[in-house]
Protein backbone atom coordinates (compact mmCIF):
# COMPACT_ATOMS: atom_id res chain seq x y z
CA MET A 1 13.25 -3.00 13.27
CA ILE A 2 16.88 -1.35 14.41
CA GLU A 3 17.81 0.64 11.63
CA HIS A 4 22.09 0.29 10.96
CA ALA A 5 23.96 3.39 10.39
CA GLY A 6 25.58 1.73 7.49
CA ALA A 7 22.95 0.28 5.64
CA GLY A 8 23.22 0.68 2.02
CA ARG A 9 21.11 3.16 0.19
CA ASP A 10 18.76 0.32 -1.74
CA ASP A 11 18.25 -1.04 1.56
CA ARG A 12 16.83 2.40 3.46
CA ASP A 13 14.88 3.62 0.41
CA GLN A 14 13.45 -0.23 0.03
CA ALA A 15 12.41 0.48 3.79
CA VAL A 16 10.81 3.58 2.87
CA VAL A 17 8.62 2.31 0.47
CA ASP A 18 7.49 -0.52 2.47
CA GLY A 19 6.57 1.74 5.24
CA ALA A 20 4.98 4.80 3.73
CA PHE A 21 1.45 4.85 3.00
CA GLY A 22 1.42 1.06 4.72
CA CYS A 23 -1.24 -1.53 2.99
CA GLY A 24 -2.36 1.55 1.05
CA TYR A 25 -3.61 2.18 -2.06
CA LEU A 26 -4.41 5.32 -5.07
CA VAL A 27 -6.91 4.59 -7.64
CA LEU A 28 -7.32 7.23 -10.87
CA GLY A 29 -9.42 6.98 -13.48
CA GLY A 30 -9.88 9.71 -16.75
CA THR A 31 -7.26 10.72 -19.27
CA ARG A 32 -6.42 13.86 -16.99
CA ALA A 33 -5.31 11.74 -14.10
CA SER A 34 -1.47 10.48 -13.20
CA ALA A 35 0.48 8.80 -11.04
CA PRO A 36 2.40 10.77 -8.88
CA ASP A 37 6.01 9.93 -7.40
CA LEU A 38 4.82 8.81 -3.91
CA VAL A 39 3.61 5.60 -5.77
CA ALA A 40 6.76 4.76 -7.80
CA GLY A 41 7.41 1.27 -7.29
CA TRP A 42 4.06 0.23 -6.51
CA PRO A 43 2.48 -2.59 -8.74
CA VAL A 44 -0.16 -0.99 -11.30
CA HIS A 45 -3.40 -3.11 -12.29
CA ARG A 46 -5.46 -1.77 -14.81
CA LEU A 47 -9.16 -3.08 -14.59
CA GLY A 48 -11.94 -1.26 -16.22
CA SER A 49 -11.89 2.22 -16.45
CA LEU A 50 -9.40 2.51 -13.51
CA SER A 51 -6.04 2.03 -12.64
CA TYR A 52 -4.91 0.58 -8.99
CA HIS A 53 -1.87 1.70 -7.61
CA LEU A 54 -1.41 -0.71 -4.67
CA HIS A 55 1.00 -0.70 -1.76
CA PRO A 56 3.47 -3.48 -1.96
CA ARG A 57 1.91 -5.45 1.09
CA ALA A 58 -1.48 -4.33 0.24
CA ARG A 59 -4.27 -7.06 -0.96
CA LEU A 60 -6.55 -7.08 -4.22
CA HIS A 61 -9.47 -9.57 -5.43
CA THR A 62 -11.38 -9.22 -8.16
CA VAL A 63 -14.15 -10.81 -10.02
CA ILE A 64 -16.08 -10.30 -13.33
CA ARG A 65 -18.06 -12.63 -15.32
CA ASP A 66 -19.07 -12.59 -19.04
CA HIS A 67 -22.57 -10.94 -19.55
CA GLY A 68 -22.63 -10.35 -15.58
CA PRO A 69 -23.38 -6.81 -13.99
CA GLY A 70 -19.80 -5.42 -13.57
CA ARG A 71 -16.65 -5.88 -11.76
CA ILE A 72 -16.01 -6.11 -8.48
CA VAL A 73 -12.48 -5.19 -6.72
CA LEU A 74 -11.88 -5.55 -2.80
CA LEU A 75 -8.80 -3.92 -1.28
CA GLY A 76 -7.73 -5.37 1.79
CA ASP A 77 -9.22 -8.05 4.04
CA PRO A 78 -12.82 -8.95 4.02
CA VAL A 79 -14.17 -11.17 6.61
CA ASP A 80 -18.04 -12.65 6.09
CA VAL A 81 -18.84 -13.81 9.49
CA ASP A 82 -22.47 -15.50 8.01
CA THR A 83 -20.33 -18.31 5.61
CA GLY A 84 -17.12 -18.30 7.83
CA THR A 85 -14.62 -17.14 5.38
CA VAL A 86 -11.69 -14.56 4.72
CA ASP A 87 -11.48 -15.82 1.07
CA GLY A 88 -11.38 -12.46 -0.67
CA THR A 89 -12.06 -13.71 -4.04
CA ARG A 90 -15.26 -16.04 -2.73
CA ILE A 91 -16.52 -13.39 -1.33
CA GLY A 92 -16.16 -11.29 -4.11
CA GLU A 93 -18.09 -13.77 -6.13
CA THR A 94 -20.55 -14.03 -3.49
CA ALA A 95 -21.01 -10.21 -3.76
CA LEU A 96 -21.26 -10.51 -7.50
CA ASP A 97 -24.10 -13.35 -7.47
CA VAL A 98 -26.01 -10.81 -5.19
CA TRP A 99 -25.43 -8.15 -7.34
CA ALA A 100 -26.52 -10.16 -10.30
CA SER A 101 -30.00 -11.32 -8.23
CA GLY A 102 -30.91 -8.65 -6.82
CA GLY A 103 -29.01 -5.15 -8.25
CA LEU A 104 -27.00 -2.58 -7.03
CA SER A 105 -28.81 -1.72 -3.64
CA ALA A 106 -28.52 -5.29 -2.67
CA VAL A 107 -24.88 -5.72 -3.18
CA VAL A 108 -24.35 -2.57 -1.18
CA ARG A 109 -25.87 -4.30 1.71
CA TYR A 110 -23.92 -7.58 1.22
CA LEU A 111 -20.89 -5.77 1.52
CA ALA A 112 -21.62 -3.53 4.38
CA TYR A 113 -22.44 -6.45 6.76
CA LEU A 114 -18.58 -7.70 5.87
CA GLY A 115 -16.31 -7.42 8.71
CA GLY A 116 -12.76 -7.25 8.25
CA ARG A 117 -11.12 -4.51 6.99
CA TRP A 118 -11.15 -3.37 3.33
CA THR A 119 -12.75 -0.97 0.47
CA ALA A 120 -15.14 -2.29 -2.65
CA ILE A 121 -15.11 -0.30 -5.76
CA LEU A 122 -17.66 -1.71 -8.25
CA GLU A 123 -17.81 -1.02 -12.03
CA ALA A 124 -21.06 -1.47 -14.18
CA SER A 125 -20.69 -3.36 -17.35
CA ALA A 126 -20.92 -1.09 -20.44
CA PRO A 127 -20.70 -2.22 -24.16
CA ALA A 128 -17.74 -2.08 -25.55
CA ASP A 129 -16.76 1.39 -26.95
CA SER A 130 -19.71 2.85 -25.62
CA PRO A 131 -19.72 6.57 -25.33
CA ALA A 132 -21.61 6.40 -21.77
CA PRO A 133 -19.91 7.39 -18.82
CA ALA A 134 -18.41 4.76 -16.72
CA ASP A 135 -20.46 3.82 -13.22
CA ILE A 136 -18.46 3.37 -10.32
CA THR A 137 -19.67 2.48 -6.52
CA VAL A 138 -17.03 2.94 -3.74
CA VAL A 139 -18.38 1.21 -0.32
CA PRO A 140 -16.27 1.51 2.49
CA ASP A 141 -16.09 -1.17 5.31
CA CYS A 142 -18.20 -0.57 8.69
CA GLN A 143 -15.86 2.41 10.23
CA ALA A 144 -14.25 2.91 7.05
CA THR A 145 -11.06 2.06 8.43
CA GLN A 146 -9.42 1.61 5.67
CA ALA A 147 -10.43 5.24 4.60
CA VAL A 148 -11.12 6.61 1.21
CA PHE A 149 -10.50 10.38 0.30
CA TYR A 150 -11.03 11.49 -3.20
CA SER A 151 -10.93 14.30 -5.62
CA THR A 152 -12.53 15.11 -9.30
CA SER A 153 -10.05 17.80 -10.08
CA ALA A 154 -8.45 15.67 -12.31
CA GLY A 155 -10.64 12.74 -13.61
CA ILE A 156 -11.13 10.84 -10.03
CA ALA A 157 -8.75 10.18 -8.02
CA LEU A 158 -9.20 7.51 -5.05
CA GLY A 159 -6.43 7.04 -2.44
CA SER A 160 -5.88 5.63 1.29
CA GLN A 161 -4.27 9.23 2.52
CA PRO A 162 -5.16 12.68 1.50
CA ALA A 163 -1.45 13.13 0.46
CA LEU A 164 -1.76 10.46 -2.03
CA VAL A 165 -4.60 12.19 -3.77
CA ALA A 166 -3.57 15.76 -3.49
CA ALA A 167 -0.05 14.65 -4.97
CA ALA A 168 -2.26 12.85 -8.30
CA THR A 169 -4.48 15.83 -8.54
CA GLY A 170 -1.48 18.87 -7.84
CA ALA A 171 -3.75 19.74 -4.56
CA GLY A 172 -2.08 22.23 -1.86
CA PRO A 173 -2.60 22.37 1.72
CA ASP A 174 -6.00 23.61 3.02
CA GLU A 175 -5.05 26.92 5.10
CA ALA A 176 -8.40 27.02 6.32
CA ALA A 177 -8.16 23.35 7.77
CA GLU A 178 -4.82 24.02 9.40
CA GLN A 179 -6.05 27.39 11.05
CA MET A 180 -9.62 25.08 12.55
CA LEU A 181 -7.29 22.69 13.70
CA GLN A 182 -5.12 25.28 15.31
CA ASP A 183 -8.42 26.82 17.04
CA LEU A 184 -9.92 23.26 18.36
CA ARG A 185 -6.28 22.65 19.86
CA ALA A 186 -6.99 25.94 21.70
CA ALA A 187 -10.69 25.23 22.70
CA ARG A 188 -9.51 21.91 24.01
CA ARG A 189 -6.34 21.89 25.46
CA LYS A 190 -6.54 18.36 26.46
CA GLY A 191 -7.96 15.27 24.30
CA VAL A 192 -8.64 14.11 20.86
CA VAL A 193 -9.04 16.85 18.15
CA PHE A 194 -9.74 16.03 14.46
CA LEU A 195 -10.53 17.63 11.54
CA PRO A 196 -14.19 18.32 11.82
CA GLY A 197 -16.66 17.75 8.98
CA THR A 198 -16.04 17.24 5.56
CA MET A 199 -12.19 19.10 6.47
CA THR A 200 -8.95 17.18 5.36
CA THR A 201 -5.50 18.20 5.05
CA HIS A 202 -5.50 19.41 1.34
CA GLU A 203 -7.95 21.61 -1.13
CA GLN A 204 -10.17 19.73 -2.93
CA VAL A 205 -9.76 16.47 -1.18
CA LEU A 206 -12.60 15.11 0.52
CA PRO A 207 -13.71 12.27 3.03
CA LEU A 208 -16.09 9.41 2.80
CA VAL A 209 -17.81 9.17 5.43
CA PRO A 210 -18.47 5.55 7.01
CA ASN A 211 -21.94 4.57 6.53
CA HIS A 212 -22.06 6.14 3.18
CA LEU A 213 -21.03 5.60 -0.80
CA LEU A 214 -19.74 7.09 -3.52
CA ARG A 215 -21.84 6.73 -6.50
CA ILE A 216 -19.06 8.21 -9.87
CA ARG A 217 -19.81 8.79 -13.48
CA LEU A 218 -16.90 8.80 -14.91
CA ARG A 219 -16.01 10.27 -18.40
CA ASP A 220 -12.74 10.80 -19.92
CA THR A 221 -11.55 14.04 -18.76
CA SER A 222 -13.94 14.68 -15.99
CA ALA A 223 -15.76 12.95 -13.10
CA GLU A 224 -19.15 13.79 -11.29
CA VAL A 225 -19.53 12.08 -7.58
CA SER A 226 -22.16 11.89 -5.20
CA HIS A 227 -21.91 11.22 -1.53
CA GLU A 228 -24.80 9.06 -0.30
CA ARG A 229 -25.56 7.65 3.16
CA PHE A 230 -26.84 3.99 2.66
CA TRP A 231 -27.07 2.99 6.58
CA PRO A 232 -29.55 2.52 8.54
CA PHE A 233 -31.35 -0.04 6.74
CA GLN A 234 -33.94 -0.21 8.76
CA ASP A 235 -35.03 1.84 11.85
CA ARG A 236 -33.39 1.35 15.51
CA VAL A 237 -35.65 -1.45 17.67
CA GLU A 238 -34.36 -1.35 21.24
CA ILE A 239 -34.32 -5.02 22.56
CA THR A 240 -34.69 -5.26 26.59
CA ASP A 241 -33.81 -9.21 26.40
CA THR A 242 -30.23 -9.19 27.29
CA GLU A 243 -30.13 -12.31 27.50
CA ARG A 244 -30.66 -12.95 23.80
CA VAL A 245 -28.71 -9.91 23.14
CA THR A 246 -25.49 -11.66 24.89
CA ARG A 247 -25.46 -14.89 23.51
CA GLU A 248 -25.89 -12.79 19.91
CA PHE A 249 -23.06 -10.55 20.61
CA ILE A 250 -20.83 -13.39 22.00
CA ASP A 251 -21.17 -15.80 19.04
CA TYR A 252 -20.73 -13.11 16.40
CA PHE A 253 -17.86 -11.64 18.36
CA ARG A 254 -16.16 -15.15 18.74
CA GLU A 255 -17.09 -15.88 15.12
CA HIS A 256 -15.52 -12.82 13.86
CA THR A 257 -12.18 -12.68 15.79
CA GLN A 258 -11.72 -16.06 15.17
CA LEU A 259 -11.63 -15.30 11.09
CA LEU A 260 -9.59 -12.49 11.64
CA CYS A 261 -7.10 -14.84 13.86
CA SER A 262 -6.65 -16.83 10.76
CA ILE A 263 -5.42 -14.06 8.30
CA ASN A 264 -1.89 -14.66 9.85
CA ARG A 265 -0.31 -14.53 13.15
CA PRO A 266 -2.35 -12.66 15.73
CA ILE A 267 -0.94 -10.60 18.35
CA VAL A 268 -3.36 -8.48 20.88
CA SER A 269 -2.70 -5.02 21.55
CA LEU A 270 -3.56 -4.90 25.63
CA THR A 271 -4.15 -2.35 28.07
CA GLY A 272 -6.63 -2.80 31.70
CA GLY A 273 -9.47 -1.36 30.09
CA LEU A 274 -12.36 -3.95 29.14
CA ASP A 275 -12.20 -3.49 25.53
CA SER A 276 -9.08 -4.40 24.80
CA ARG A 277 -9.55 -7.51 27.95
CA THR A 278 -12.52 -8.51 25.57
CA THR A 279 -11.06 -8.74 22.57
CA LEU A 280 -8.43 -10.92 24.35
CA ALA A 281 -11.19 -13.09 25.86
CA ALA A 282 -12.23 -14.00 21.98
CA ALA A 283 -8.69 -14.41 20.39
CA LEU A 284 -7.40 -16.90 23.21
CA PRO A 285 -8.52 -19.87 22.00
CA HIS A 286 -7.18 -18.87 18.13
CA LEU A 287 -3.64 -17.33 19.24
CA HIS A 288 -0.24 -19.40 18.19
CA ARG A 289 2.64 -20.28 20.45
CA ASP A 290 4.52 -16.99 18.96
CA SER A 291 1.48 -15.18 19.59
CA PHE A 292 1.93 -12.47 22.32
CA THR A 293 0.09 -9.56 23.71
CA PHE A 294 1.68 -5.97 24.15
CA THR A 295 1.25 -2.19 25.98
CA TYR A 296 2.43 0.98 24.94
CA TYR A 297 4.59 2.94 27.68
CA ASN A 298 5.30 6.51 27.77
CA PRO A 299 8.08 6.66 30.26
CA ARG A 300 6.57 10.78 30.55
CA ASP A 301 3.26 9.70 31.52
CA GLY A 302 4.35 7.42 34.67
CA LEU A 303 6.03 10.71 36.11
CA VAL A 304 2.49 12.66 35.95
CA GLY A 305 0.02 9.55 36.99
CA GLU A 306 -0.74 6.36 37.66
CA GLY A 307 -3.03 5.48 34.49
CA ALA A 308 0.05 3.96 32.25
CA PRO A 309 2.19 2.23 34.31
CA LEU A 310 -1.19 0.56 35.53
CA ASP A 311 -1.89 -0.31 32.01
CA VAL A 312 1.18 -2.13 31.93
CA PHE A 313 1.34 -3.81 35.25
CA THR A 314 -2.45 -4.78 34.72
CA ALA A 315 -2.00 -6.09 31.20
CA ASN A 316 0.72 -8.17 32.44
CA ALA A 317 -0.90 -9.56 34.80
CA LEU A 318 -3.96 -10.69 32.49
CA SER A 319 -1.28 -12.18 30.05
CA ASN A 320 0.06 -14.08 32.73
CA ALA A 321 -2.85 -15.37 33.73
CA VAL A 322 -4.13 -17.04 30.78
CA GLY A 323 -0.55 -17.89 29.76
CA VAL A 324 0.53 -15.50 27.03
CA GLN A 325 3.87 -13.71 26.65
CA HIS A 326 3.55 -9.77 27.28
CA ARG A 327 5.85 -7.45 25.61
CA VAL A 328 6.06 -3.53 26.62
CA LEU A 329 6.73 -1.17 24.11
CA ARG A 330 8.45 1.73 24.88
CA TRP A 331 6.81 4.58 23.62
CA ARG A 332 9.94 6.93 21.44
CA GLN A 333 10.22 9.52 18.86
CA PRO A 334 12.20 8.88 16.15
CA ALA A 335 15.40 10.12 15.24
CA LYS A 336 15.76 12.75 12.85
CA GLY A 337 16.80 11.60 9.65
CA SER A 338 16.24 8.17 10.61
CA VAL A 339 14.05 5.54 8.06
CA PHE A 340 11.03 6.05 10.28
CA ALA A 341 10.84 9.87 10.05
CA GLN A 342 11.32 9.81 6.66
CA ILE A 343 8.20 7.25 6.14
CA TYR A 344 6.24 9.25 8.44
CA ASP A 345 6.87 12.65 6.91
CA ARG A 346 6.14 11.14 3.36
CA THR A 347 2.95 9.78 4.75
CA TYR A 348 2.17 12.85 6.44
CA PRO A 349 3.80 15.98 4.92
CA VAL A 350 1.40 18.43 5.89
CA ARG A 351 0.83 17.91 9.36
CA ARG A 352 2.45 15.29 11.87
CA GLY A 353 0.52 13.74 14.76
CA SER A 354 1.79 11.88 17.31
CA THR A 355 4.44 9.52 16.37
CA GLY A 356 5.77 7.86 19.47
CA ALA A 357 3.42 4.74 19.41
CA ALA A 358 3.34 4.37 15.66
CA HIS A 359 7.26 4.35 15.96
CA ALA A 360 7.34 2.14 18.84
CA MET A 361 5.35 -0.68 17.01
CA TRP A 362 7.24 -0.46 13.71
CA ALA A 363 10.81 -0.74 15.72
CA ASP A 364 9.52 -3.47 18.08
CA LEU A 365 7.17 -5.53 16.67
CA PRO A 366 7.47 -8.30 13.88
CA HIS A 367 6.39 -7.05 10.17
CA ASP A 368 4.84 -10.35 9.49
CA VAL A 369 1.24 -10.28 12.29
CA ILE A 370 -2.06 -9.63 12.43
CA HIS A 371 -2.64 -6.68 15.13
CA LEU A 372 -5.80 -7.02 17.11
CA GLN A 373 -6.73 -3.45 18.19
CA SER A 374 -10.17 -2.87 20.10
CA ILE A 375 -10.48 0.79 18.90
CA GLY A 376 -14.36 1.03 17.65
CA ALA A 377 -15.90 -0.87 21.01
CA GLU A 378 -17.86 2.57 22.22
CA LEU A 379 -19.71 2.44 19.05
CA GLY A 380 -21.70 -0.58 20.84
CA THR A 381 -21.38 0.56 24.45
CA THR A 382 -21.06 4.40 24.86
CA PHE A 383 -18.69 7.55 24.47
CA TYR A 384 -20.05 10.92 24.80
CA ALA A 385 -22.17 10.82 27.99
CA ALA A 386 -23.59 14.23 27.90
CA ARG A 387 -26.70 13.91 25.71
CA PRO A 388 -29.44 16.73 26.10
CA GLY A 389 -32.52 16.54 24.27
CA VAL A 390 -31.55 18.93 22.10
CA PRO A 391 -31.77 19.37 17.98
CA ILE A 392 -28.69 18.42 15.65
CA THR A 393 -27.21 21.89 14.60
CA PRO A 394 -23.65 22.96 13.83
CA GLN A 395 -23.19 24.55 17.18
CA ARG A 396 -24.33 20.95 19.22
CA LEU A 397 -21.81 19.38 16.95
CA LEU A 398 -19.40 21.56 17.90
CA GLU A 399 -20.52 21.71 21.57
CA ILE A 400 -19.57 17.61 21.43
CA VAL A 401 -15.77 17.80 20.01
CA THR A 402 -14.71 20.37 22.04
CA ALA A 403 -16.98 19.93 25.31
CA ARG A 404 -17.41 24.02 25.00
CA HIS A 405 -20.55 25.95 25.12
CA ASP A 406 -19.56 29.32 24.75
CA LEU A 407 -17.64 28.99 21.18
CA PRO A 408 -18.34 31.59 18.21
CA GLU A 409 -21.33 30.46 15.55
CA GLN A 410 -19.03 31.05 13.01
CA MET A 411 -16.61 28.53 14.27
CA ALA A 412 -19.27 26.09 14.53
CA HIS A 413 -20.75 27.24 10.60
CA ASP A 414 -17.06 26.67 9.47
CA ALA A 415 -16.94 23.55 11.05
CA PHE A 416 -20.43 21.69 10.32
CA ALA A 417 -22.40 23.96 8.33
CA ASP A 418 -21.78 21.60 5.10
CA TYR A 419 -21.40 18.65 6.81
CA LEU A 420 -25.17 18.45 7.42
CA ASP A 421 -26.27 18.13 3.99
CA TYR A 422 -23.02 16.31 3.11
CA ALA A 423 -23.46 13.69 4.96
CA GLN A 424 -27.49 13.53 5.29
CA PHE A 425 -26.96 13.60 9.31
CA SER A 426 -30.47 14.24 10.34
CA GLN A 427 -32.73 12.74 12.75
CA SER A 428 -34.82 11.58 10.45
CA ALA A 429 -31.94 10.03 8.04
CA ILE A 430 -30.50 7.90 10.80
CA GLY A 431 -33.72 5.69 11.86
CA GLY A 432 -34.10 6.19 15.76
CA TYR A 433 -30.15 5.81 16.40
CA ASP A 434 -28.80 8.46 18.71
CA TYR A 435 -27.41 10.92 17.00
CA HIS A 436 -24.40 10.79 19.83
CA ASP A 437 -23.28 7.50 18.60
CA VAL A 438 -23.52 7.84 14.94
CA PHE A 439 -21.71 11.36 15.07
CA TYR A 440 -19.18 9.42 17.15
CA TRP A 441 -18.93 6.57 14.42
CA GLU A 442 -18.87 8.63 11.22
CA GLN A 443 -16.86 11.73 12.59
CA ARG A 444 -14.32 10.52 15.04
CA MET A 445 -13.89 7.27 13.68
CA GLY A 446 -13.74 8.53 10.41
CA LYS A 447 -11.81 11.39 10.62
CA TRP A 448 -9.31 10.46 13.47
CA GLY A 449 -9.74 6.76 14.22
CA TYR A 450 -7.84 6.01 10.37
CA GLN A 451 -4.70 7.80 11.37
CA LYS A 452 -4.09 5.25 14.56
CA TYR A 453 -4.76 2.06 11.94
CA GLN A 454 -2.36 3.69 9.72
CA ASP A 455 -0.37 3.84 12.77
CA GLY A 456 -0.04 -0.17 12.42
CA ASP A 457 -0.24 -0.56 9.03
CA PHE A 458 3.44 1.49 8.63
CA SER A 459 4.86 -2.00 10.02
CA HIS A 460 2.32 -4.60 9.86
CA ARG A 461 -1.51 -4.98 9.51
CA MET A 462 -4.20 -3.98 11.91
CA LEU A 463 -7.77 -5.39 12.23
CA MET A 464 -10.41 -4.64 14.46
CA PRO A 465 -12.48 -7.46 15.85
CA PHE A 466 -15.39 -4.37 16.58
CA ASN A 467 -14.95 -3.35 12.90
CA SER A 468 -18.00 -4.84 12.03
CA ARG A 469 -21.87 -3.38 11.12
CA GLY A 470 -23.96 -6.53 12.55
CA LEU A 471 -22.27 -6.88 15.57
CA ILE A 472 -22.22 -2.82 16.01
CA GLU A 473 -25.97 -2.86 15.27
CA ILE A 474 -26.21 -6.34 17.96
CA MET A 475 -24.63 -4.00 20.72
CA GLN A 476 -26.41 -0.42 20.13
CA SER A 477 -29.84 -2.40 20.23
CA LEU A 478 -29.55 -2.53 24.15
CA PRO A 479 -31.02 0.28 25.81
CA TYR A 480 -28.72 2.96 26.97
CA GLN A 481 -27.70 2.35 30.39
CA GLN A 482 -27.06 -1.43 29.66
CA ARG A 483 -24.70 0.03 27.03
CA ALA A 484 -22.93 2.36 29.16
CA ASP A 485 -22.58 -0.32 32.08
CA LYS A 486 -20.97 -2.66 28.71
CA VAL A 487 -22.87 -5.67 30.23
CA LEU A 488 -22.07 -7.46 26.58
CA LEU A 489 -18.34 -7.08 27.90
CA GLN A 490 -18.95 -7.82 30.82
CA ALA A 491 -20.63 -10.94 29.71
CA MET A 492 -17.66 -12.04 27.21
CA LEU A 493 -15.30 -11.54 29.90
CA ALA A 494 -17.09 -14.20 32.11
CA THR A 495 -16.28 -17.09 29.48
CA VAL A 496 -12.87 -16.62 30.39
CA PRO A 497 -12.65 -16.53 34.53
CA MET A 498 -8.86 -15.68 34.29
CA LEU A 499 -9.41 -12.21 32.72
CA ASN A 500 -11.50 -11.11 35.37
CA ASP A 501 -10.62 -8.48 37.92
CA ALA A 502 -10.98 -11.15 40.92
CA ARG A 503 -7.77 -12.80 39.53
CA LEU A 504 -5.54 -9.70 39.85
CA PRO A 505 -3.47 -8.65 42.44
CA PRO A 506 -5.75 -6.52 45.02
CA HIS A 507 -3.78 -3.13 43.87
CA LEU A 508 -4.73 -3.57 40.34
CA ARG A 509 -8.27 -4.67 40.68
CA ALA A 510 -10.72 -1.81 39.39
CA GLY A 511 -13.75 -0.53 41.51
CA PRO A 512 -14.09 1.00 45.07
CA SER A 513 -11.85 -1.97 46.75
CA ALA A 514 -9.15 -0.56 44.91
CA PRO A 515 -6.86 1.65 47.29
CA ALA A 516 -6.85 5.30 46.59
CA PRO A 517 -3.58 6.45 44.72
CA GLU A 518 -0.76 8.31 46.67
CA PRO A 519 -0.14 11.77 45.20
CA ILE A 520 3.37 11.93 43.27
CA THR A 521 5.94 14.42 44.91
CA TRP A 522 8.68 16.15 43.97
CA ARG A 523 10.86 13.22 45.28
CA ASP A 524 8.95 10.31 43.22
CA LEU A 525 10.19 12.75 40.21
CA VAL A 526 13.63 13.39 41.43
CA ALA A 527 13.68 9.21 42.07
CA ALA A 528 12.48 8.50 38.34
CA ARG A 529 15.15 10.64 36.93
CA PRO A 530 18.49 10.00 39.06
CA HIS A 531 20.56 12.43 36.40
CA VAL A 532 19.18 15.56 37.33
CA ARG A 533 20.29 14.87 41.09
CA PRO A 534 23.88 16.40 40.87
CA ARG A 535 22.13 19.21 38.99
CA ILE A 536 19.80 19.65 41.65
CA ARG A 537 22.33 19.22 44.56
CA THR A 538 24.55 21.76 42.67
CA ALA A 539 21.57 24.41 42.72
CA LEU A 540 20.99 23.80 46.17
CA ASP A 541 24.31 24.24 47.42
CA ARG A 542 24.34 27.71 45.41
CA VAL A 543 20.40 28.29 47.29
CA PHE A 544 22.52 27.98 50.63
CA GLU A 545 25.63 29.85 50.11
CA HIS A 546 23.82 32.72 49.22
CA ARG A 547 21.59 32.76 52.35
CA ARG A 548 24.64 32.23 54.48
CA GLY A 549 26.46 35.41 52.67
CA MET A 550 23.07 37.43 53.59
CA PRO A 551 23.28 39.88 56.20
């Protein structure tokens, strides 16, 4: 999207409304709850005890029957791989049947294995004019990619962003959370940092952690909420039959990706890595004639290493090999006061993250596409390589986040002490799964990942082929080393030979056969920035003149 200086105020305001909190929602209940100005102009649906304020691009599906167990509301894009459907109403009807025949635990389990990207809200039926509180259950998708934040300070408020919930309840910024982020960044100068444990950007606003649900008892003026783990449903069983697991993975991954591609015109975020290449392999038969792949590029990264340029060149070569158009998106900051700057400030009023990629997608990509993003593949392969056989403690969790072993106990206590109870995060509760994998799933994906998805939702809809519990369980059934070696991704790529490394030019191939990179010198920096050459020449002339004048 190109921002025209002469655009009218109405057009500008509409663009901000369309972008801010893209595809998000705010759900309110109780007589004390009131909608903030942030959602002014959003469609409102009053269903049961709750009012649903939906972003104009958000999708809602609701099902209720006379004499049924209650109402099911699905926000977003659910996918049922078992029945091969993306029809939200049909999925809701199936869920209602399961609820009626098996009870609440059965319908939670059915919902837990849906793919796609969604949030489910179930409100049990109650007699008319009953004084009893409303019973509401909230279930997130596999990675809580359509995030849920909540507060009970004024009835119940559920939202896709902390700022929405805070605006509805009058909550202010959490200064302790901001200080924690500063401390984490000081401890970890490079790499990802995120608000740990139960912290969010605002006071009295809590996160719904992946693999957990909310049970809400809503009265006129108050709400009681319990945050409960529902996964794993059974203990992990390791499977050494790699051929069997490979077949199951390929079939499941292909089917899930095909269904995602059927929602709208798909495009694929592509780098030189295996995760996104695997997504392209599964999506390839379902791409449209005007589908394409794309890669971000930050020009500054090209000055300090070869990784970013190689990603662009490799993605281009792979796309060319399979006959798909490839685009390069230039990572850049929005202009101060621009439409996108206003969109971003409204969505993140307390703490701004990196805006370069989000701005590039909003400005340069069509707004009517499904963007396939491979985030989450690490849940099924591995991410944290250092796995000492020590118990789960706040100190150990802080070590995982910072890669530091010398940080004070008080910092670990502030970050994670309440989280162990809040998320029922203990070895016995996670059924034989490695806590490093579960921690990555529930903390990094739940607290950092949702912001990456919002980056795409500012303009279009981002969906994740790896966001499926059935798929992740298949991948995590393999022994650790096979997961670390990414044997399943390699097997999927083997089904599309044109995406193998052997098809790439020699200098782009991974592995020991690749030539050693040459170090970047000051001449490379000057060549990349020709506009600084006159200034460098002037500075050198002054140095030489000074030397000539010395005795």
